[in-house]
Amino acid sequence: MTNVPHAESEDVSRRTYLANERTFLAWIRSGLASLAVSLGVGRLLPALLDMSRGTFLLLGVGYALLGLFLLTYGSTRHRSVQAALAEGRFEAIPPVVVMGLTVAGVLLSLGTLVILMF
């Protein structure tokens, strides 16, 4: 019976590390999706619609920058959370990152909406 608490804490620790790994993979998926959208908006849409590339290119660059940020920050975040877990502490995501991603997402969404409407 004395092994049960140890086994439970090991299981919780294992699940926590695996959750961090799944979160890292979500950062990667989101970054790659954003890069795919940048290609679609910046290159494919203007060609399909036979329109000037200027606005589409600007929006595509925005999605590409978001994708690059998600890929690089996701890797950095994964390493910092791994270190925090090893030390038994919690690593919260900085509010400035949450706000920056929210603002970027809203601006890119509004830009996409404007292009779709006109």
PDB file of N, CA and C in Angstrom:
ATOM      1  N   MET A   1       0.799  -1.204   0.000  1.00  0.00           N
ATOM      2  CA  MET A   1       0.000   0.000   0.000  1.00  0.00           C
ATOM      3  C   MET A   1       0.845   1.273   0.000  1.00  0.00           C
ATOM      4  N   THR A   2       2.087   1.207   0.495  1.00  0.00           N
ATOM      5  CA  THR A   2       2.909   2.413   0.533  1.00  0.00           C
ATOM      6  C   THR A   2       3.342   2.856  -0.858  1.00  0.00           C
ATOM      7  N   ASN A   3       3.299   1.960  -1.829  1.00  0.00           N
ATOM      8  CA  ASN A   3       3.690   2.324  -3.183  1.00  0.00           C
ATOM      9  C   ASN A   3       2.594   3.076  -3.932  1.00  0.00           C
ATOM     10  N   VAL A   4       1.378   3.029  -3.472  1.00  0.00           N
ATOM     11  CA  VAL A   4       0.270   3.651  -4.189  1.00  0.00           C
ATOM     12  C   VAL A   4       0.432   5.167  -4.295  1.00  0.00           C
ATOM     13  N   PRO A   5       0.721   5.917  -3.230  1.00  0.00           N
ATOM     14  CA  PRO A   5       0.880   7.363  -3.389  1.00  0.00           C
ATOM     15  C   PRO A   5       2.006   7.717  -4.361  1.00  0.00           C
ATOM     16  N   HIS A   6       3.108   6.967  -4.291  1.00  0.00           N
ATOM     17  CA  HIS A   6       4.217   7.228  -5.196  1.00  0.00           C
ATOM     18  C   HIS A   6       3.791   6.969  -6.646  1.00  0.00           C
ATOM     19  N   ALA A   7       3.078   5.876  -6.867  1.00  0.00           N
ATOM     20  CA  ALA A   7       2.608   5.545  -8.214  1.00  0.00           C
ATOM     21  C   ALA A   7       1.652   6.608  -8.728  1.00  0.00           C
ATOM     22  N   GLU A   8       0.788   7.107  -7.849  1.00  0.00           N
ATOM     23  CA  GLU A   8      -0.158   8.152  -8.262  1.00  0.00           C
ATOM     24  C   GLU A   8       0.570   9.443  -8.613  1.00  0.00           C
ATOM     25  N   SER A   9       1.558   9.824  -7.819  1.00  0.00           N
ATOM     26  CA  SER A   9       2.286  11.056  -8.120  1.00  0.00           C
ATOM     27  C   SER A   9       3.109  10.905  -9.395  1.00  0.00           C
ATOM     28  N   GLU A  10       3.645   9.716  -9.635  1.00  0.00           N
ATOM     29  CA  GLU A  10       4.366   9.459 -10.881  1.00  0.00           C
ATOM     30  C   GLU A  10       3.437   9.565 -12.082  1.00  0.00           C
ATOM     31  N   ASP A  11       2.226   9.032 -11.926  1.00  0.00           N
ATOM     32  CA  ASP A  11       1.236   9.081 -12.999  1.00  0.00           C
ATOM     33  C   ASP A  11       0.818  10.518 -13.294  1.00  0.00           C
ATOM     34  N   VAL A  12       0.613  11.309 -12.245  1.00  0.00           N
ATOM     35  CA  VAL A  12       0.246  12.714 -12.426  1.00  0.00           C
ATOM     36  C   VAL A  12       1.373  13.458 -13.126  1.00  0.00           C
ATOM     37  N   SER A  13       2.587  13.210 -12.704  1.00  0.00           N
ATOM     38  CA  SER A  13       3.741  13.861 -13.321  1.00  0.00           C
ATOM     39  C   SER A  13       3.854  13.475 -14.796  1.00  0.00           C
ATOM     40  N   ARG A  14       3.682  12.217 -15.082  1.00  0.00           N
ATOM     41  CA  ARG A  14       3.749  11.742 -16.468  1.00  0.00           C
ATOM     42  C   ARG A  14       2.670  12.417 -17.316  1.00  0.00           C
ATOM     43  N   ARG A  15       1.460  12.482 -16.786  1.00  0.00           N
ATOM     44  CA  ARG A  15       0.366  13.128 -17.534  1.00  0.00           C
ATOM     45  C   ARG A  15       0.657  14.606 -17.764  1.00  0.00           C
ATOM     46  N   THR A  16       1.257  15.256 -16.785  1.00  0.00           N
ATOM     47  CA  THR A  16       1.564  16.680 -16.917  1.00  0.00           C
ATOM     48  C   THR A  16       2.607  16.911 -18.003  1.00  0.00           C
ATOM     49  N   TYR A  17       3.636  16.085 -18.027  1.00  0.00           N
ATOM     50  CA  TYR A  17       4.654  16.208 -19.073  1.00  0.00           C
ATOM     51  C   TYR A  17       4.056  15.919 -20.457  1.00  0.00           C
ATOM     52  N   LEU A  18       3.188  14.925 -20.534  1.00  0.00           N
ATOM     53  CA  LEU A  18       2.549  14.614 -21.814  1.00  0.00           C
ATOM     54  C   LEU A  18       1.600  15.727 -22.255  1.00  0.00           C
ATOM     55  N   ALA A  19       0.937  16.362 -21.293  1.00  0.00           N
ATOM     56  CA  ALA A  19       0.070  17.499 -21.630  1.00  0.00           C
ATOM     57  C   ALA A  19       0.900  18.642 -22.200  1.00  0.00           C
ATOM     58  N   ASN A  20       2.074  18.861 -21.638  1.00  0.00           N
ATOM     59  CA  ASN A  20       2.963  19.899 -22.168  1.00  0.00           C
ATOM     60  C   ASN A  20       3.406  19.550 -23.586  1.00  0.00           C
ATOM     61  N   GLU A  21       3.646  18.277 -23.832  1.00  0.00           N
ATOM     62  CA  GLU A  21       4.026  17.850 -25.172  1.00  0.00           C
ATOM     63  C   GLU A  21       2.878  18.069 -26.162  1.00  0.00           C
ATOM     64  N   ARG A  22       1.662  17.745 -25.748  1.00  0.00           N
ATOM     65  CA  ARG A  22       0.500  17.973 -26.631  1.00  0.00           C
ATOM     66  C   ARG A  22       0.311  19.463 -26.899  1.00  0.00           C
ATOM     67  N   THR A  23       0.550  20.285 -25.901  1.00  0.00           N
ATOM     68  CA  THR A  23       0.426  21.729 -26.086  1.00  0.00           C
ATOM     69  C   THR A  23       1.478  22.226 -27.071  1.00  0.00           C
ATOM     70  N   PHE A  24       2.690  21.710 -26.956  1.00  0.00           N
ATOM     71  CA  PHE A  24       3.745  22.068 -27.904  1.00  0.00           C
ATOM     72  C   PHE A  24       3.324  21.712 -29.327  1.00  0.00           C
ATOM     73  N   LEU A  25       2.776  20.523 -29.500  1.00  0.00           N
ATOM     74  CA  LEU A  25       2.323  20.109 -30.832  1.00  0.00           C
ATOM     75  C   LEU A  25       1.194  21.004 -31.341  1.00  0.00           C
ATOM     76  N   ALA A  26       0.361  21.505 -30.444  1.00  0.00           N
ATOM     77  CA  ALA A  26      -0.701  22.440 -30.847  1.00  0.00           C
ATOM     78  C   ALA A  26      -0.106  23.768 -31.322  1.00  0.00           C
ATOM     79  N   TRP A  27       0.953  24.245 -30.655  1.00  0.00           N
ATOM     80  CA  TRP A  27       1.638  25.456 -31.119  1.00  0.00           C
ATOM     81  C   TRP A  27       2.172  25.227 -32.537  1.00  0.00           C
ATOM     82  N   ILE A  28       2.765  24.062 -32.762  1.00  0.00           N
ATOM     83  CA  ILE A  28       3.331  23.748 -34.077  1.00  0.00           C
ATOM     84  C   ILE A  28       2.222  23.678 -35.129  1.00  0.00           C
ATOM     85  N   ARG A  29       1.135  22.976 -34.810  1.00  0.00           N
ATOM     86  CA  ARG A  29       0.009  22.872 -35.763  1.00  0.00           C
ATOM     87  C   ARG A  29      -0.551  24.252 -36.092  1.00  0.00           C
ATOM     88  N   SER A  30      -0.699  25.081 -35.092  1.00  0.00           N
ATOM     89  CA  SER A  30      -1.239  26.428 -35.314  1.00  0.00           C
ATOM     90  C   SER A  30      -0.297  27.253 -36.182  1.00  0.00           C
ATOM     91  N   GLY A  31       1.001  27.135 -35.922  1.00  0.00           N
ATOM     92  CA  GLY A  31       1.972  27.870 -36.726  1.00  0.00           C
ATOM     93  C   GLY A  31       1.965  27.421 -38.177  1.00  0.00           C
ATOM     94  N   LEU A  32       1.919  26.111 -38.393  1.00  0.00           N
ATOM     95  CA  LEU A  32       1.889  25.597 -39.760  1.00  0.00           C
ATOM     96  C   LEU A  32       0.587  25.969 -40.472  1.00  0.00           C
ATOM     97  N   ALA A  33      -0.520  25.954 -39.746  1.00  0.00           N
ATOM     98  CA  ALA A  33      -1.796  26.362 -40.341  1.00  0.00           C
ATOM     99  C   ALA A  33      -1.753  27.829 -40.756  1.00  0.00           C
ATOM    100  N   SER A  34      -1.172  28.662 -39.905  1.00  0.00           N
ATOM    101  CA  SER A  34      -1.059  30.077 -40.234  1.00  0.00           C
ATOM    102  C   SER A  34      -0.169  30.294 -41.459  1.00  0.00           C
ATOM    103  N   LEU A  35       0.893  29.517 -41.562  1.00  0.00           N
ATOM    104  CA  LEU A  35       1.752  29.621 -42.746  1.00  0.00           C
ATOM    105  C   LEU A  35       1.013  29.160 -44.007  1.00  0.00           C
ATOM    106  N   ALA A  36       0.188  28.139 -43.885  1.00  0.00           N
ATOM    107  CA  ALA A  36      -0.602  27.680 -45.032  1.00  0.00           C
ATOM    108  C   ALA A  36      -1.608  28.753 -45.451  1.00  0.00           C
ATOM    109  N   VAL A  37      -2.230  29.394 -44.475  1.00  0.00           N
ATOM    110  CA  VAL A  37      -3.170  30.473 -44.780  1.00  0.00           C
ATOM    111  C   VAL A  37      -2.434  31.628 -45.457  1.00  0.00           C
ATOM    112  N   SER A  38      -1.205  31.908 -45.015  1.00  0.00           N
ATOM    113  CA  SER A  38      -0.450  33.006 -45.632  1.00  0.00           C
ATOM    114  C   SER A  38      -0.199  32.733 -47.110  1.00  0.00           C
ATOM    115  N   LEU A  39       0.095  31.495 -47.426  1.00  0.00           N
ATOM    116  CA  LEU A  39       0.298  31.127 -48.828  1.00  0.00           C
ATOM    117  C   LEU A  39      -1.005  31.256 -49.618  1.00  0.00           C
ATOM    118  N   GLY A  40      -2.092  30.791 -49.024  1.00  0.00           N
ATOM    119  CA  GLY A  40      -3.389  30.876 -49.692  1.00  0.00           C
ATOM    120  C   GLY A  40      -3.830  32.307 -49.927  1.00  0.00           C
ATOM    121  N   VAL A  41      -3.700  33.134 -48.901  1.00  0.00           N
ATOM    122  CA  VAL A  41      -4.147  34.533 -49.007  1.00  0.00           C
ATOM    123  C   VAL A  41      -3.179  35.353 -49.848  1.00  0.00           C
ATOM    124  N   GLY A  42      -1.885  35.165 -49.630  1.00  0.00           N
ATOM    125  CA  GLY A  42      -0.895  36.010 -50.315  1.00  0.00           C
ATOM    126  C   GLY A  42      -0.620  35.647 -51.752  1.00  0.00           C
ATOM    127  N   ARG A  43      -0.789  34.373 -52.102  1.00  0.00           N
ATOM    128  CA  ARG A  43      -0.450  33.939 -53.466  1.00  0.00           C
ATOM    129  C   ARG A  43      -1.635  33.401 -54.257  1.00  0.00           C
ATOM    130  N   LEU A  44      -2.399  32.515 -53.640  1.00  0.00           N
ATOM    131  CA  LEU A  44      -3.449  31.829 -54.394  1.00  0.00           C
ATOM    132  C   LEU A  44      -4.677  32.688 -54.656  1.00  0.00           C
ATOM    133  N   LEU A  45      -5.153  33.389 -53.634  1.00  0.00           N
ATOM    134  CA  LEU A  45      -6.362  34.200 -53.831  1.00  0.00           C
ATOM    135  C   LEU A  45      -6.221  35.256 -54.924  1.00  0.00           C
ATOM    136  N   PRO A  46      -5.151  36.044 -54.939  1.00  0.00           N
ATOM    137  CA  PRO A  46      -5.045  37.039 -56.015  1.00  0.00           C
ATOM    138  C   PRO A  46      -5.025  36.398 -57.405  1.00  0.00           C
ATOM    139  N   ALA A  47      -4.398  35.241 -57.513  1.00  0.00           N
ATOM    140  CA  ALA A  47      -4.342  34.558 -58.811  1.00  0.00           C
ATOM    141  C   ALA A  47      -5.721  34.028 -59.202  1.00  0.00           C
ATOM    142  N   LEU A  48      -6.429  33.465 -58.237  1.00  0.00           N
ATOM    143  CA  LEU A  48      -7.759  32.922 -58.522  1.00  0.00           C
ATOM    144  C   LEU A  48      -8.772  34.010 -58.848  1.00  0.00           C
ATOM    145  N   LEU A  49      -8.661  35.141 -58.150  1.00  0.00           N
ATOM    146  CA  LEU A  49      -9.620  36.222 -58.335  1.00  0.00           C
ATOM    147  C   LEU A  49      -9.183  37.217 -59.398  1.00  0.00           C
ATOM    148  N   ASP A  50      -7.979  37.023 -59.948  1.00  0.00           N
ATOM    149  CA  ASP A  50      -7.417  37.924 -60.961  1.00  0.00           C
ATOM    150  C   ASP A  50      -7.461  39.367 -60.477  1.00  0.00           C
ATOM    151  N   MET A  51      -6.885  39.583 -59.274  1.00  0.00           N
ATOM    152  CA  MET A  51      -6.872  40.909 -58.655  1.00  0.00           C
ATOM    153  C   MET A  51      -5.438  41.308 -58.331  1.00  0.00           C
ATOM    154  N   SER A  52      -5.269  42.578 -58.005  1.00  0.00           N
ATOM    155  CA  SER A  52      -3.971  43.093 -57.593  1.00  0.00           C
ATOM    156  C   SER A  52      -3.518  42.395 -56.314  1.00  0.00           C
ATOM    157  N   ARG A  53      -2.223  42.128 -56.219  1.00  0.00           N
ATOM    158  CA  ARG A  53      -1.704  41.372 -55.082  1.00  0.00           C
ATOM    159  C   ARG A  53      -1.437  42.210 -53.841  1.00  0.00           C
ATOM    160  N   GLY A  54      -1.431  43.522 -53.911  1.00  0.00           N
ATOM    161  CA  GLY A  54      -1.011  44.391 -52.817  1.00  0.00           C
ATOM    162  C   GLY A  54      -1.628  44.069 -51.465  1.00  0.00           C
ATOM    163  N   THR A  55      -2.930  44.152 -51.360  1.00  0.00           N
ATOM    164  CA  THR A  55      -3.613  43.901 -50.091  1.00  0.00           C
ATOM    165  C   THR A  55      -3.473  42.448 -49.675  1.00  0.00           C
ATOM    166  N   PHE A  56      -3.589  41.551 -50.629  1.00  0.00           N
ATOM    167  CA  PHE A  56      -3.460  40.128 -50.335  1.00  0.00           C
ATOM    168  C   PHE A  56      -2.055  39.805 -49.809  1.00  0.00           C
ATOM    169  N   LEU A  57      -1.062  40.441 -50.417  1.00  0.00           N
ATOM    170  CA  LEU A  57       0.313  40.213 -50.013  1.00  0.00           C
ATOM    171  C   LEU A  57       0.538  40.688 -48.576  1.00  0.00           C
ATOM    172  N   LEU A  58       0.021  41.850 -48.255  1.00  0.00           N
ATOM    173  CA  LEU A  58       0.147  42.392 -46.902  1.00  0.00           C
ATOM    174  C   LEU A  58      -0.499  41.464 -45.880  1.00  0.00           C
ATOM    175  N   LEU A  59      -1.677  40.993 -46.186  1.00  0.00           N
ATOM    176  CA  LEU A  59      -2.375  40.068 -45.292  1.00  0.00           C
ATOM    177  C   LEU A  59      -1.633  38.731 -45.199  1.00  0.00           C
ATOM    178  N   GLY A  60      -1.118  38.251 -46.317  1.00  0.00           N
ATOM    179  CA  GLY A  60      -0.343  37.009 -46.317  1.00  0.00           C
ATOM    180  C   GLY A  60       0.912  37.116 -45.466  1.00  0.00           C
ATOM    181  N   VAL A  61       1.582  38.254 -45.539  1.00  0.00           N
ATOM    182  CA  VAL A  61       2.767  38.478 -44.711  1.00  0.00           C
ATOM    183  C   VAL A  61       2.374  38.481 -43.232  1.00  0.00           C
ATOM    184  N   GLY A  62       1.234  39.072 -42.909  1.00  0.00           N
ATOM    185  CA  GLY A  62       0.753  39.068 -41.523  1.00  0.00           C
ATOM    186  C   GLY A  62       0.539  37.656 -41.002  1.00  0.00           C
ATOM    187  N   TYR A  63      -0.102  36.824 -41.796  1.00  0.00           N
ATOM    188  CA  TYR A  63      -0.311  35.420 -41.393  1.00  0.00           C
ATOM    189  C   TYR A  63       1.018  34.669 -41.282  1.00  0.00           C
ATOM    190  N   ALA A  64       1.946  34.960 -42.190  1.00  0.00           N
ATOM    191  CA  ALA A  64       3.251  34.301 -42.133  1.00  0.00           C
ATOM    192  C   ALA A  64       4.013  34.700 -40.868  1.00  0.00           C
ATOM    193  N   LEU A  65       3.964  35.977 -40.517  1.00  0.00           N
ATOM    194  CA  LEU A  65       4.631  36.433 -39.287  1.00  0.00           C
ATOM    195  C   LEU A  65       3.995  35.793 -38.060  1.00  0.00           C
ATOM    196  N   LEU A  66       2.676  35.681 -38.069  1.00  0.00           N
ATOM    197  CA  LEU A  66       1.992  35.009 -36.962  1.00  0.00           C
ATOM    198  C   LEU A  66       2.448  33.552 -36.885  1.00  0.00           C
ATOM    199  N   GLY A  67       2.528  32.886 -38.017  1.00  0.00           N
ATOM    200  CA  GLY A  67       2.964  31.497 -38.048  1.00  0.00           C
ATOM    201  C   GLY A  67       4.380  31.327 -37.525  1.00  0.00           C
ATOM    202  N   LEU A  68       5.278  32.204 -37.940  1.00  0.00           N
ATOM    203  CA  LEU A  68       6.658  32.134 -37.457  1.00  0.00           C
ATOM    204  C   LEU A  68       6.726  32.366 -35.950  1.00  0.00           C
ATOM    205  N   PHE A  69       5.928  33.314 -35.461  1.00  0.00           N
ATOM    206  CA  PHE A  69       5.899  33.555 -34.018  1.00  0.00           C
ATOM    207  C   PHE A  69       5.400  32.321 -33.275  1.00  0.00           C
ATOM    208  N   LEU A  70       4.317  31.726 -33.763  1.00  0.00           N
ATOM    209  CA  LEU A  70       3.763  30.550 -33.095  1.00  0.00           C
ATOM    210  C   LEU A  70       4.765  29.401 -33.046  1.00  0.00           C
ATOM    211  N   LEU A  71       5.492  29.198 -34.130  1.00  0.00           N
ATOM    212  CA  LEU A  71       6.491  28.129 -34.163  1.00  0.00           C
ATOM    213  C   LEU A  71       7.638  28.396 -33.188  1.00  0.00           C
ATOM    214  N   THR A  72       8.167  29.603 -33.205  1.00  0.00           N
ATOM    215  CA  THR A  72       9.313  29.900 -32.346  1.00  0.00           C
ATOM    216  C   THR A  72       8.902  30.029 -30.884  1.00  0.00           C
ATOM    217  N   TYR A  73       7.793  30.716 -30.622  1.00  0.00           N
ATOM    218  CA  TYR A  73       7.366  30.868 -29.234  1.00  0.00           C
ATOM    219  C   TYR A  73       6.928  29.528 -28.647  1.00  0.00           C
ATOM    220  N   GLY A  74       6.282  28.708 -29.443  1.00  0.00           N
ATOM    221  CA  GLY A  74       5.861  27.392 -28.968  1.00  0.00           C
ATOM    222  C   GLY A  74       7.041  26.553 -28.507  1.00  0.00           C
ATOM    223  N   SER A  75       8.134  26.623 -29.238  1.00  0.00           N
ATOM    224  CA  SER A  75       9.338  25.886 -28.856  1.00  0.00           C
ATOM    225  C   SER A  75       9.935  26.447 -27.563  1.00  0.00           C
ATOM    226  N   THR A  76      10.024  27.755 -27.479  1.00  0.00           N
ATOM    227  CA  THR A  76      10.543  28.401 -26.275  1.00  0.00           C
ATOM    228  C   THR A  76       9.664  28.095 -25.076  1.00  0.00           C
ATOM    229  N   ARG A  77       8.377  28.186 -25.277  1.00  0.00           N
ATOM    230  CA  ARG A  77       7.414  27.923 -24.199  1.00  0.00           C
ATOM    231  C   ARG A  77       7.526  26.470 -23.725  1.00  0.00           C
ATOM    232  N   HIS A  78       7.644  25.538 -24.652  1.00  0.00           N
ATOM    233  CA  HIS A  78       7.767  24.130 -24.290  1.00  0.00           C
ATOM    234  C   HIS A  78       8.976  23.909 -23.378  1.00  0.00           C
ATOM    235  N   ARG A  79      10.109  24.503 -23.752  1.00  0.00           N
ATOM    236  CA  ARG A  79      11.315  24.336 -22.943  1.00  0.00           C
ATOM    237  C   ARG A  79      11.171  24.976 -21.565  1.00  0.00           C
ATOM    238  N   SER A  80      10.554  26.148 -21.484  1.00  0.00           N
ATOM    239  CA  SER A  80      10.413  26.810 -20.180  1.00  0.00           C
ATOM    240  C   SER A  80       9.430  26.058 -19.280  1.00  0.00           C
ATOM    241  N   VAL A  81       8.372  25.506 -19.857  1.00  0.00           N
ATOM    242  CA  VAL A  81       7.426  24.723 -19.054  1.00  0.00           C
ATOM    243  C   VAL A  81       8.077  23.417 -18.598  1.00  0.00           C
ATOM    244  N   GLN A  82       8.870  22.792 -19.475  1.00  0.00           N
ATOM    245  CA  GLN A  82       9.586  21.576 -19.071  1.00  0.00           C
ATOM    246  C   GLN A  82      10.491  21.855 -17.870  1.00  0.00           C
ATOM    247  N   ALA A  83      11.215  22.960 -17.923  1.00  0.00           N
ATOM    248  CA  ALA A  83      12.111  23.320 -16.820  1.00  0.00           C
ATOM    249  C   ALA A  83      11.312  23.594 -15.546  1.00  0.00           C
ATOM    250  N   ALA A  84      10.191  24.296 -15.692  1.00  0.00           N
ATOM    251  CA  ALA A  84       9.357  24.596 -14.522  1.00  0.00           C
ATOM    252  C   ALA A  84       8.798  23.314 -13.915  1.00  0.00           C
ATOM    253  N   LEU A  85       8.359  22.394 -14.752  1.00  0.00           N
ATOM    254  CA  LEU A  85       7.841  21.123 -14.246  1.00  0.00           C
ATOM    255  C   LEU A  85       8.925  20.341 -13.505  1.00  0.00           C
ATOM    256  N   ALA A  86      10.130  20.351 -14.038  1.00  0.00           N
ATOM    257  CA  ALA A  86      11.234  19.640 -13.393  1.00  0.00           C
ATOM    258  C   ALA A  86      11.551  20.228 -12.015  1.00  0.00           C
ATOM    259  N   GLU A  87      11.297  21.530 -11.870  1.00  0.00           N
ATOM    260  CA  GLU A  87      11.543  22.203 -10.594  1.00  0.00           C
ATOM    261  C   GLU A  87      10.307  22.207  -9.694  1.00  0.00           C
ATOM    262  N   GLY A  88       9.211  21.662 -10.178  1.00  0.00           N
ATOM    263  CA  GLY A  88       7.993  21.599  -9.380  1.00  0.00           C
ATOM    264  C   GLY A  88       7.226  22.903  -9.291  1.00  0.00           C
ATOM    265  N   ARG A  89       7.399  23.759 -10.281  1.00  0.00           N
ATOM    266  CA  ARG A  89       6.660  25.026 -10.268  1.00  0.00           C
ATOM    267  C   ARG A  89       5.799  25.155 -11.523  1.00  0.00           C
ATOM    268  N   PHE A  90       4.970  26.180 -11.533  1.00  0.00           N
ATOM    269  CA  PHE A  90       4.051  26.432 -12.642  1.00  0.00           C
ATOM    270  C   PHE A  90       4.566  27.608 -13.451  1.00  0.00           C
ATOM    271  N   GLU A  91       4.509  27.501 -14.758  1.00  0.00           N
ATOM    272  CA  GLU A  91       4.965  28.552 -15.663  1.00  0.00           C
ATOM    273  C   GLU A  91       3.760  29.101 -16.423  1.00  0.00           C
ATOM    274  N   ALA A  92       3.254  30.244 -15.995  1.00  0.00           N
ATOM    275  CA  ALA A  92       2.097  30.854 -16.660  1.00  0.00           C
ATOM    276  C   ALA A  92       2.544  31.538 -17.944  1.00  0.00           C
ATOM    277  N   ILE A  93       1.649  31.568 -18.908  1.00  0.00           N
ATOM    278  CA  ILE A  93       1.947  32.287 -20.143  1.00  0.00           C
ATOM    279  C   ILE A  93       1.835  33.787 -19.843  1.00  0.00           C
ATOM    280  N   PRO A  94       2.803  34.576 -20.267  1.00  0.00           N
ATOM    281  CA  PRO A  94       2.756  36.012 -19.974  1.00  0.00           C
ATOM    282  C   PRO A  94       1.528  36.678 -20.608  1.00  0.00           C
ATOM    283  N   PRO A  95       0.862  37.545 -19.854  1.00  0.00           N
ATOM    284  CA  PRO A  95      -0.325  38.232 -20.393  1.00  0.00           C
ATOM    285  C   PRO A  95      -0.042  39.012 -21.672  1.00  0.00           C
ATOM    286  N   VAL A  96       1.171  39.531 -21.826  1.00  0.00           N
ATOM    287  CA  VAL A  96       1.496  40.293 -23.034  1.00  0.00           C
ATOM    288  C   VAL A  96       1.464  39.391 -24.271  1.00  0.00           C
ATOM    289  N   VAL A  97       1.825  38.129 -24.119  1.00  0.00           N
ATOM    290  CA  VAL A  97       1.767  37.187 -25.239  1.00  0.00           C
ATOM    291  C   VAL A  97       0.311  36.897 -25.595  1.00  0.00           C
ATOM    292  N   VAL A  98      -0.506  36.681 -24.578  1.00  0.00           N
ATOM    293  CA  VAL A  98      -1.939  36.431 -24.810  1.00  0.00           C
ATOM    294  C   VAL A  98      -2.561  37.635 -25.521  1.00  0.00           C
ATOM    295  N   MET A  99      -2.258  38.831 -25.042  1.00  0.00           N
ATOM    296  CA  MET A  99      -2.823  40.035 -25.654  1.00  0.00           C
ATOM    297  C   MET A  99      -2.302  40.225 -27.074  1.00  0.00           C
ATOM    298  N   GLY A 100      -1.017  39.994 -27.284  1.00  0.00           N
ATOM    299  CA  GLY A 100      -0.445  40.141 -28.624  1.00  0.00           C
ATOM    300  C   GLY A 100      -1.054  39.175 -29.625  1.00  0.00           C
ATOM    301  N   LEU A 101      -1.219  37.928 -29.214  1.00  0.00           N
ATOM    302  CA  LEU A 101      -1.836  36.943 -30.103  1.00  0.00           C
ATOM    303  C   LEU A 101      -3.298  37.278 -30.376  1.00  0.00           C
ATOM    304  N   THR A 102      -3.984  37.780 -29.365  1.00  0.00           N
ATOM    305  CA  THR A 102      -5.386  38.164 -29.542  1.00  0.00           C
ATOM    306  C   THR A 102      -5.500  39.318 -30.529  1.00  0.00           C
ATOM    307  N   VAL A 103      -4.679  40.337 -30.345  1.00  0.00           N
ATOM    308  CA  VAL A 103      -4.709  41.500 -31.245  1.00  0.00           C
ATOM    309  C   VAL A 103      -4.345  41.077 -32.671  1.00  0.00           C
ATOM    310  N   ALA A 104      -3.293  40.269 -32.810  1.00  0.00           N
ATOM    311  CA  ALA A 104      -2.894  39.815 -34.143  1.00  0.00           C
ATOM    312  C   ALA A 104      -4.010  39.009 -34.799  1.00  0.00           C
ATOM    313  N   GLY A 105      -4.624  38.117 -34.042  1.00  0.00           N
ATOM    314  CA  GLY A 105      -5.721  37.312 -34.582  1.00  0.00           C
ATOM    315  C   GLY A 105      -6.911  38.154 -35.005  1.00  0.00           C
ATOM    316  N   VAL A 106      -7.262  39.135 -34.184  1.00  0.00           N
ATOM    317  CA  VAL A 106      -8.394  40.014 -34.512  1.00  0.00           C
ATOM    318  C   VAL A 106      -8.087  40.840 -35.758  1.00  0.00           C
ATOM    319  N   LEU A 107      -6.891  41.428 -35.818  1.00  0.00           N
ATOM    320  CA  LEU A 107      -6.540  42.252 -36.982  1.00  0.00           C
ATOM    321  C   LEU A 107      -6.498  41.429 -38.274  1.00  0.00           C
ATOM    322  N   LEU A 108      -5.914  40.253 -38.209  1.00  0.00           N
ATOM    323  CA  LEU A 108      -5.862  39.402 -39.400  1.00  0.00           C
ATOM    324  C   LEU A 108      -7.258  38.926 -39.800  1.00  0.00           C
ATOM    325  N   SER A 109      -8.082  38.638 -38.819  1.00  0.00           N
ATOM    326  CA  SER A 109      -9.462  38.224 -39.116  1.00  0.00           C
ATOM    327  C   SER A 109     -10.241  39.367 -39.758  1.00  0.00           C
ATOM    328  N   LEU A 110     -10.097  40.557 -39.224  1.00  0.00           N
ATOM    329  CA  LEU A 110     -10.787  41.715 -39.819  1.00  0.00           C
ATOM    330  C   LEU A 110     -10.287  41.975 -41.235  1.00  0.00           C
ATOM    331  N   GLY A 111      -8.981  41.875 -41.446  1.00  0.00           N
ATOM    332  CA  GLY A 111      -8.429  42.049 -42.789  1.00  0.00           C
ATOM    333  C   GLY A 111      -8.978  41.018 -43.756  1.00  0.00           C
ATOM    334  N   THR A 112      -9.084  39.784 -43.296  1.00  0.00           N
ATOM    335  CA  THR A 112      -9.636  38.719 -44.144  1.00  0.00           C
ATOM    336  C   THR A 112     -11.104  38.990 -44.443  1.00  0.00           C
ATOM    337  N   LEU A 113     -11.843  39.420 -43.444  1.00  0.00           N
ATOM    338  CA  LEU A 113     -13.260  39.748 -43.642  1.00  0.00           C
ATOM    339  C   LEU A 113     -13.439  40.861 -44.677  1.00  0.00           C
ATOM    340  N   VAL A 114     -12.624  41.883 -44.567  1.00  0.00           N
ATOM    341  CA  VAL A 114     -12.724  43.013 -45.512  1.00  0.00           C
ATOM    342  C   VAL A 114     -12.454  42.524 -46.940  1.00  0.00           C
ATOM    343  N   ILE A 115     -11.441  41.695 -47.106  1.00  0.00           N
ATOM    344  CA  ILE A 115     -11.124  41.185 -48.448  1.00  0.00           C
ATOM    345  C   ILE A 115     -12.265  40.310 -48.973  1.00  0.00           C
ATOM    346  N   LEU A 116     -12.841  39.497 -48.105  1.00  0.00           N
ATOM    347  CA  LEU A 116     -13.927  38.626 -48.548  1.00  0.00           C
ATOM    348  C   LEU A 116     -15.186  39.402 -48.927  1.00  0.00           C
ATOM    349  N   MET A 117     -15.395  40.536 -48.298  1.00  0.00           N
ATOM    350  CA  MET A 117     -16.606  41.316 -48.545  1.00  0.00           C
ATOM    351  C   MET A 117     -16.521  42.155 -49.805  1.00  0.00           C
ATOM    352  N   PHE A 118     -15.303  42.450 -50.266  1.00  0.00           N
ATOM    353  CA  PHE A 118     -15.171  43.338 -51.436  1.00  0.00           C
ATOM    354  C   PHE A 118     -14.505  42.700 -52.589  1.00  0.00           C
TER     355      PHE A 118
END
